[in-house]
Amino acid sequence: MENNDKKKKEPWRFIVRIICIAFIVYVWVEKDIVSTLITIPKEQFVSIVVPHLIVYLMAIAVISGGVFMMKRIAGKRKKK
């Protein structure tokens, strides 16, 4: 009996994860986000953190979409 729970993972998904994590780490280090979050007053925490999270999620969506489109184009070229 085959175990369907352990399907082969697609390598492009792993690549997208690595790129997104690297992007987030790069931005946090480059802009020194941790020290900024530590020094802000508690009243302004939500007004600063929410836009940061939205920007990160949008960047992740763009990166994921770009990798998906490259995968799709490569798949269509293979079929020809």
PDB file of N, CA and C in Angstrom:
ATOM      1  N   MET A   1       0.832  -1.176   0.000  1.00  0.00           N
ATOM      2  CA  MET A   1       0.000   0.000   0.000  1.00  0.00           C
ATOM      3  C   MET A   1       0.882   1.248   0.000  1.00  0.00           C
ATOM      4  N   GLU A   2       0.538   2.210  -0.879  1.00  0.00           N
ATOM      5  CA  GLU A   2       1.320   3.430  -1.008  1.00  0.00           C
ATOM      6  C   GLU A   2       0.920   4.450   0.046  1.00  0.00           C
ATOM      7  N   ASN A   3       1.874   5.189   0.483  1.00  0.00           N
ATOM      8  CA  ASN A   3       1.607   6.241   1.451  1.00  0.00           C
ATOM      9  C   ASN A   3       1.474   7.561   0.694  1.00  0.00           C
ATOM     10  N   ASN A   4       0.250   8.040   0.522  1.00  0.00           N
ATOM     11  CA  ASN A   4      -0.002   9.269  -0.233  1.00  0.00           C
ATOM     12  C   ASN A   4       0.329  10.517   0.568  1.00  0.00           C
ATOM     13  N   ASP A   5       0.524  10.374   1.866  1.00  0.00           N
ATOM     14  CA  ASP A   5       0.841  11.531   2.695  1.00  0.00           C
ATOM     15  C   ASP A   5       2.240  12.077   2.414  1.00  0.00           C
ATOM     16  N   LYS A   6       3.121  11.233   1.966  1.00  0.00           N
ATOM     17  CA  LYS A   6       4.505  11.655   1.726  1.00  0.00           C
ATOM     18  C   LYS A   6       4.742  11.822   0.232  1.00  0.00           C
ATOM     19  N   LYS A   7       4.073  12.801  -0.366  1.00  0.00           N
ATOM     20  CA  LYS A   7       4.255  13.099  -1.783  1.00  0.00           C
ATOM     21  C   LYS A   7       5.589  13.813  -1.959  1.00  0.00           C
ATOM     22  N   LYS A   8       6.119  13.694  -3.151  1.00  0.00           N
ATOM     23  CA  LYS A   8       7.376  14.376  -3.450  1.00  0.00           C
ATOM     24  C   LYS A   8       7.123  15.884  -3.462  1.00  0.00           C
ATOM     25  N   LYS A   9       7.913  16.612  -2.712  1.00  0.00           N
ATOM     26  CA  LYS A   9       7.757  18.060  -2.643  1.00  0.00           C
ATOM     27  C   LYS A   9       8.384  18.686  -3.881  1.00  0.00           C
ATOM     28  N   GLU A  10       7.701  19.681  -4.405  1.00  0.00           N
ATOM     29  CA  GLU A  10       8.187  20.363  -5.595  1.00  0.00           C
ATOM     30  C   GLU A  10       9.326  21.298  -5.207  1.00  0.00           C
ATOM     31  N   PRO A  11      10.429  21.247  -5.957  1.00  0.00           N
ATOM     32  CA  PRO A  11      11.591  22.070  -5.583  1.00  0.00           C
ATOM     33  C   PRO A  11      11.337  23.570  -5.691  1.00  0.00           C
ATOM     34  N   TRP A  12      10.452  23.998  -6.568  1.00  0.00           N
ATOM     35  CA  TRP A  12      10.225  25.434  -6.707  1.00  0.00           C
ATOM     36  C   TRP A  12       9.577  26.016  -5.455  1.00  0.00           C
ATOM     37  N   ARG A  13       8.806  25.227  -4.718  1.00  0.00           N
ATOM     38  CA  ARG A  13       8.211  25.714  -3.477  1.00  0.00           C
ATOM     39  C   ARG A  13       9.291  25.967  -2.423  1.00  0.00           C
ATOM     40  N   PHE A  14      10.262  25.088  -2.372  1.00  0.00           N
ATOM     41  CA  PHE A  14      11.386  25.256  -1.449  1.00  0.00           C
ATOM     42  C   PHE A  14      12.178  26.510  -1.807  1.00  0.00           C
ATOM     43  N   ILE A  15      12.389  26.736  -3.097  1.00  0.00           N
ATOM     44  CA  ILE A  15      13.132  27.910  -3.556  1.00  0.00           C
ATOM     45  C   ILE A  15      12.395  29.192  -3.163  1.00  0.00           C
ATOM     46  N   VAL A  16      11.078  29.213  -3.327  1.00  0.00           N
ATOM     47  CA  VAL A  16      10.291  30.392  -2.960  1.00  0.00           C
ATOM     48  C   VAL A  16      10.400  30.662  -1.466  1.00  0.00           C
ATOM     49  N   ARG A  17      10.322  29.617  -0.659  1.00  0.00           N
ATOM     50  CA  ARG A  17      10.449  29.797   0.793  1.00  0.00           C
ATOM     51  C   ARG A  17      11.791  30.407   1.167  1.00  0.00           C
ATOM     52  N   ILE A  18      12.851  29.875   0.578  1.00  0.00           N
ATOM     53  CA  ILE A  18      14.200  30.374   0.881  1.00  0.00           C
ATOM     54  C   ILE A  18      14.346  31.836   0.456  1.00  0.00           C
ATOM     55  N   ILE A  19      13.848  32.179  -0.727  1.00  0.00           N
ATOM     56  CA  ILE A  19      13.948  33.556  -1.215  1.00  0.00           C
ATOM     57  C   ILE A  19      13.178  34.500  -0.308  1.00  0.00           C
ATOM     58  N   CYS A  20      11.975  34.123   0.099  1.00  0.00           N
ATOM     59  CA  CYS A  20      11.156  34.980   0.959  1.00  0.00           C
ATOM     60  C   CYS A  20      11.789  35.174   2.334  1.00  0.00           C
ATOM     61  N   ILE A  21      12.288  34.106   2.896  1.00  0.00           N
ATOM     62  CA  ILE A  21      12.948  34.217   4.205  1.00  0.00           C
ATOM     63  C   ILE A  21      14.203  35.074   4.106  1.00  0.00           C
ATOM     64  N   ALA A  22      14.979  34.891   3.049  1.00  0.00           N
ATOM     65  CA  ALA A  22      16.189  35.696   2.856  1.00  0.00           C
ATOM     66  C   ALA A  22      15.829  37.171   2.696  1.00  0.00           C
ATOM     67  N   PHE A  23      14.748  37.454   1.970  1.00  0.00           N
ATOM     68  CA  PHE A  23      14.310  38.837   1.783  1.00  0.00           C
ATOM     69  C   PHE A  23      13.944  39.473   3.123  1.00  0.00           C
ATOM     70  N   ILE A  24      13.176  38.770   3.927  1.00  0.00           N
ATOM     71  CA  ILE A  24      12.752  39.306   5.223  1.00  0.00           C
ATOM     72  C   ILE A  24      13.949  39.557   6.127  1.00  0.00           C
ATOM     73  N   VAL A  25      14.865  38.609   6.190  1.00  0.00           N
ATOM     74  CA  VAL A  25      16.059  38.770   7.023  1.00  0.00           C
ATOM     75  C   VAL A  25      16.902  39.939   6.524  1.00  0.00           C
ATOM     76  N   TYR A  26      17.073  40.048   5.210  1.00  0.00           N
ATOM     77  CA  TYR A  26      17.855  41.151   4.640  1.00  0.00           C
ATOM     78  C   TYR A  26      17.255  42.503   5.020  1.00  0.00           C
ATOM     79  N   VAL A  27      15.943  42.647   4.852  1.00  0.00           N
ATOM     80  CA  VAL A  27      15.294  43.923   5.151  1.00  0.00           C
ATOM     81  C   VAL A  27      15.410  44.246   6.637  1.00  0.00           C
ATOM     82  N   TRP A  28      15.184  43.259   7.495  1.00  0.00           N
ATOM     83  CA  TRP A  28      15.274  43.507   8.939  1.00  0.00           C
ATOM     84  C   TRP A  28      16.680  43.914   9.341  1.00  0.00           C
ATOM     85  N   VAL A  29      17.690  43.301   8.749  1.00  0.00           N
ATOM     86  CA  VAL A  29      19.075  43.647   9.088  1.00  0.00           C
ATOM     87  C   VAL A  29      19.450  44.995   8.481  1.00  0.00           C
ATOM     88  N   GLU A  30      19.090  45.219   7.229  1.00  0.00           N
ATOM     89  CA  GLU A  30      19.453  46.458   6.532  1.00  0.00           C
ATOM     90  C   GLU A  30      18.832  47.692   7.203  1.00  0.00           C
ATOM     91  N   LYS A  31      17.586  47.586   7.595  1.00  0.00           N
ATOM     92  CA  LYS A  31      16.893  48.731   8.175  1.00  0.00           C
ATOM     93  C   LYS A  31      16.918  48.736   9.701  1.00  0.00           C
ATOM     94  N   ASP A  32      17.557  47.744  10.293  1.00  0.00           N
ATOM     95  CA  ASP A  32      17.680  47.634  11.746  1.00  0.00           C
ATOM     96  C   ASP A  32      16.310  47.745  12.431  1.00  0.00           C
ATOM     97  N   ILE A  33      15.404  46.900  11.965  1.00  0.00           N
ATOM     98  CA  ILE A  33      14.022  46.914  12.433  1.00  0.00           C
ATOM     99  C   ILE A  33      13.914  46.564  13.914  1.00  0.00           C
ATOM    100  N   VAL A  34      14.723  45.645  14.386  1.00  0.00           N
ATOM    101  CA  VAL A  34      14.623  45.205  15.780  1.00  0.00           C
ATOM    102  C   VAL A  34      14.850  46.363  16.739  1.00  0.00           C
ATOM    103  N   SER A  35      15.890  47.149  16.503  1.00  0.00           N
ATOM    104  CA  SER A  35      16.141  48.278  17.410  1.00  0.00           C
ATOM    105  C   SER A  35      15.046  49.330  17.298  1.00  0.00           C
ATOM    106  N   THR A  36      14.466  49.471  16.119  1.00  0.00           N
ATOM    107  CA  THR A  36      13.359  50.410  15.950  1.00  0.00           C
ATOM    108  C   THR A  36      12.144  49.954  16.751  1.00  0.00           C
ATOM    109  N   LEU A  37      11.835  48.664  16.677  1.00  0.00           N
ATOM    110  CA  LEU A  37      10.678  48.145  17.402  1.00  0.00           C
ATOM    111  C   LEU A  37      10.871  48.218  18.914  1.00  0.00           C
ATOM    112  N   ILE A  38      12.092  48.092  19.365  1.00  0.00           N
ATOM    113  CA  ILE A  38      12.361  48.149  20.805  1.00  0.00           C
ATOM    114  C   ILE A  38      12.208  49.573  21.336  1.00  0.00           C
ATOM    115  N   THR A  39      12.575  50.563  20.546  1.00  0.00           N
ATOM    116  CA  THR A  39      12.589  51.950  21.034  1.00  0.00           C
ATOM    117  C   THR A  39      11.276  52.702  20.858  1.00  0.00           C
ATOM    118  N   ILE A  40      10.334  52.178  20.076  1.00  0.00           N
ATOM    119  CA  ILE A  40       9.094  52.930  19.868  1.00  0.00           C
ATOM    120  C   ILE A  40       8.174  52.824  21.088  1.00  0.00           C
ATOM    121  N   PRO A  41       7.395  53.858  21.308  1.00  0.00           N
ATOM    122  CA  PRO A  41       6.436  53.814  22.416  1.00  0.00           C
ATOM    123  C   PRO A  41       5.329  52.795  22.140  1.00  0.00           C
ATOM    124  N   LYS A  42       4.734  52.260  23.189  1.00  0.00           N
ATOM    125  CA  LYS A  42       3.703  51.234  23.042  1.00  0.00           C
ATOM    126  C   LYS A  42       2.479  51.759  22.295  1.00  0.00           C
ATOM    127  N   GLU A  43       2.193  53.043  22.392  1.00  0.00           N
ATOM    128  CA  GLU A  43       1.032  53.612  21.711  1.00  0.00           C
ATOM    129  C   GLU A  43       1.194  53.577  20.195  1.00  0.00           C
ATOM    130  N   GLN A  44       2.410  53.677  19.717  1.00  0.00           N
ATOM    131  CA  GLN A  44       2.670  53.708  18.284  1.00  0.00           C
ATOM    132  C   GLN A  44       3.022  52.340  17.705  1.00  0.00           C
ATOM    133  N   PHE A  45       3.077  51.324  18.526  1.00  0.00           N
ATOM    134  CA  PHE A  45       3.516  49.999  18.081  1.00  0.00           C
ATOM    135  C   PHE A  45       2.644  49.467  16.948  1.00  0.00           C
ATOM    136  N   VAL A  46       1.328  49.507  17.121  1.00  0.00           N
ATOM    137  CA  VAL A  46       0.419  48.966  16.096  1.00  0.00           C
ATOM    138  C   VAL A  46       0.508  49.780  14.816  1.00  0.00           C
ATOM    139  N   SER A  47       0.582  51.090  14.923  1.00  0.00           N
ATOM    140  CA  SER A  47       0.619  51.934  13.730  1.00  0.00           C
ATOM    141  C   SER A  47       1.926  51.770  12.942  1.00  0.00           C
ATOM    142  N   ILE A  48       2.945  51.237  13.562  1.00  0.00           N
ATOM    143  CA  ILE A  48       4.206  51.011  12.865  1.00  0.00           C
ATOM    144  C   ILE A  48       4.325  49.566  12.389  1.00  0.00           C
ATOM    145  N   VAL A  49       3.905  48.616  13.201  1.00  0.00           N
ATOM    146  CA  VAL A  49       4.087  47.198  12.873  1.00  0.00           C
ATOM    147  C   VAL A  49       3.153  46.748  11.751  1.00  0.00           C
ATOM    148  N   VAL A  50       1.900  47.189  11.780  1.00  0.00           N
ATOM    149  CA  VAL A  50       0.932  46.747  10.770  1.00  0.00           C
ATOM    150  C   VAL A  50       1.383  47.122   9.352  1.00  0.00           C
ATOM    151  N   PRO A  51       1.795  48.354   9.080  1.00  0.00           N
ATOM    152  CA  PRO A  51       2.280  48.659   7.723  1.00  0.00           C
ATOM    153  C   PRO A  51       3.512  47.831   7.321  1.00  0.00           C
ATOM    154  N   HIS A  52       4.404  47.578   8.277  1.00  0.00           N
ATOM    155  CA  HIS A  52       5.570  46.736   7.983  1.00  0.00           C
ATOM    156  C   HIS A  52       5.119  45.342   7.559  1.00  0.00           C
ATOM    157  N   LEU A  53       4.192  44.778   8.297  1.00  0.00           N
ATOM    158  CA  LEU A  53       3.710  43.435   7.964  1.00  0.00           C
ATOM    159  C   LEU A  53       3.024  43.413   6.601  1.00  0.00           C
ATOM    160  N   ILE A  54       2.245  44.435   6.306  1.00  0.00           N
ATOM    161  CA  ILE A  54       1.569  44.499   5.009  1.00  0.00           C
ATOM    162  C   ILE A  54       2.586  44.575   3.880  1.00  0.00           C
ATOM    163  N   VAL A  55       3.605  45.383   4.043  1.00  0.00           N
ATOM    164  CA  VAL A  55       4.641  45.502   3.013  1.00  0.00           C
ATOM    165  C   VAL A  55       5.373  44.174   2.829  1.00  0.00           C
ATOM    166  N   TYR A  56       5.712  43.498   3.914  1.00  0.00           N
ATOM    167  CA  TYR A  56       6.392  42.208   3.810  1.00  0.00           C
ATOM    168  C   TYR A  56       5.516  41.180   3.112  1.00  0.00           C
ATOM    169  N   LEU A  57       4.241  41.140   3.464  1.00  0.00           N
ATOM    170  CA  LEU A  57       3.341  40.181   2.826  1.00  0.00           C
ATOM    171  C   LEU A  57       3.174  40.474   1.337  1.00  0.00           C
ATOM    172  N   MET A  58       3.128  41.742   0.981  1.00  0.00           N
ATOM    173  CA  MET A  58       3.041  42.096  -0.441  1.00  0.00           C
ATOM    174  C   MET A  58       4.313  41.696  -1.170  1.00  0.00           C
ATOM    175  N   ALA A  59       5.463  41.919  -0.554  1.00  0.00           N
ATOM    176  CA  ALA A  59       6.727  41.533  -1.179  1.00  0.00           C
ATOM    177  C   ALA A  59       6.807  40.022  -1.354  1.00  0.00           C
ATOM    178  N   ILE A  60       6.356  39.281  -0.353  1.00  0.00           N
ATOM    179  CA  ILE A  60       6.358  37.823  -0.455  1.00  0.00           C
ATOM    180  C   ILE A  60       5.431  37.375  -1.575  1.00  0.00           C
ATOM    181  N   ALA A  61       4.276  38.021  -1.702  1.00  0.00           N
ATOM    182  CA  ALA A  61       3.342  37.674  -2.776  1.00  0.00           C
ATOM    183  C   ALA A  61       3.957  37.957  -4.151  1.00  0.00           C
ATOM    184  N   VAL A  62       4.653  39.066  -4.286  1.00  0.00           N
ATOM    185  CA  VAL A  62       5.284  39.403  -5.559  1.00  0.00           C
ATOM    186  C   VAL A  62       6.397  38.410  -5.902  1.00  0.00           C
ATOM    187  N   ILE A  63       7.226  38.082  -4.932  1.00  0.00           N
ATOM    188  CA  ILE A  63       8.308  37.124  -5.155  1.00  0.00           C
ATOM    189  C   ILE A  63       7.734  35.758  -5.505  1.00  0.00           C
ATOM    190  N   SER A  64       6.731  35.328  -4.763  1.00  0.00           N
ATOM    191  CA  SER A  64       6.115  34.023  -5.033  1.00  0.00           C
ATOM    192  C   SER A  64       5.477  34.007  -6.412  1.00  0.00           C
ATOM    193  N   GLY A  65       4.794  35.070  -6.758  1.00  0.00           N
ATOM    194  CA  GLY A  65       4.180  35.168  -8.084  1.00  0.00           C
ATOM    195  C   GLY A  65       5.219  35.139  -9.194  1.00  0.00           C
ATOM    196  N   GLY A  66       6.340  35.821  -8.982  1.00  0.00           N
ATOM    197  CA  GLY A  66       7.410  35.816  -9.988  1.00  0.00           C
ATOM    198  C   GLY A  66       8.005  34.439 -10.192  1.00  0.00           C
ATOM    199  N   VAL A  67       8.246  33.741  -9.103  1.00  0.00           N
ATOM    200  CA  VAL A  67       8.791  32.385  -9.214  1.00  0.00           C
ATOM    201  C   VAL A  67       7.772  31.462  -9.862  1.00  0.00           C
ATOM    202  N   PHE A  68       6.496  31.611  -9.503  1.00  0.00           N
ATOM    203  CA  PHE A  68       5.457  30.784 -10.109  1.00  0.00           C
ATOM    204  C   PHE A  68       5.370  31.033 -11.613  1.00  0.00           C
ATOM    205  N   MET A  69       5.451  32.300 -12.028  1.00  0.00           N
ATOM    206  CA  MET A  69       5.385  32.614 -13.456  1.00  0.00           C
ATOM    207  C   MET A  69       6.597  32.051 -14.196  1.00  0.00           C
ATOM    208  N   MET A  70       7.784  32.122 -13.598  1.00  0.00           N
ATOM    209  CA  MET A  70       8.965  31.537 -14.236  1.00  0.00           C
ATOM    210  C   MET A  70       8.802  30.029 -14.366  1.00  0.00           C
ATOM    211  N   LYS A  71       8.249  29.400 -13.336  1.00  0.00           N
ATOM    212  CA  LYS A  71       8.002  27.955 -13.380  1.00  0.00           C
ATOM    213  C   LYS A  71       7.013  27.622 -14.482  1.00  0.00           C
ATOM    214  N   ARG A  72       5.961  28.413 -14.588  1.00  0.00           N
ATOM    215  CA  ARG A  72       4.936  28.180 -15.623  1.00  0.00           C
ATOM    216  C   ARG A  72       5.500  28.348 -17.028  1.00  0.00           C
ATOM    217  N   ILE A  73       6.297  29.397 -17.229  1.00  0.00           N
ATOM    218  CA  ILE A  73       6.904  29.635 -18.546  1.00  0.00           C
ATOM    219  C   ILE A  73       7.863  28.493 -18.885  1.00  0.00           C
ATOM    220  N   ALA A  74       8.653  28.066 -17.911  1.00  0.00           N
ATOM    221  CA  ALA A  74       9.592  26.962 -18.150  1.00  0.00           C
ATOM    222  C   ALA A  74       8.820  25.685 -18.470  1.00  0.00           C
ATOM    223  N   GLY A  75       7.705  25.452 -17.807  1.00  0.00           N
ATOM    224  CA  GLY A  75       6.892  24.265 -18.073  1.00  0.00           C
ATOM    225  C   GLY A  75       6.304  24.282 -19.468  1.00  0.00           C
ATOM    226  N   LYS A  76       5.877  25.450 -19.932  1.00  0.00           N
ATOM    227  CA  LYS A  76       5.312  25.571 -21.281  1.00  0.00           C
ATOM    228  C   LYS A  76       6.401  25.391 -22.336  1.00  0.00           C
ATOM    229  N   ARG A  77       7.601  25.857 -22.069  1.00  0.00           N
ATOM    230  CA  ARG A  77       8.704  25.668 -23.028  1.00  0.00           C
ATOM    231  C   ARG A  77       9.116  24.211 -23.122  1.00  0.00           C
ATOM    232  N   LYS A  78       9.029  23.498 -22.005  1.00  0.00           N
ATOM    233  CA  LYS A  78       9.363  22.075 -22.014  1.00  0.00           C
ATOM    234  C   LYS A  78       8.409  21.283 -22.879  1.00  0.00           C
ATOM    235  N   LYS A  79       7.140  21.653 -22.872  1.00  0.00           N
ATOM    236  CA  LYS A  79       6.125  20.941 -23.617  1.00  0.00           C
ATOM    237  C   LYS A  79       6.293  21.095 -25.132  1.00  0.00           C
ATOM    238  N   LYS A  80       6.904  22.184 -25.560  1.00  0.00           N
ATOM    239  CA  LYS A  80       7.089  22.426 -27.002  1.00  0.00           C
ATOM    240  C   LYS A  80       8.110  21.534 -27.590  1.00  0.00           C
TER     241      LYS A  80
END
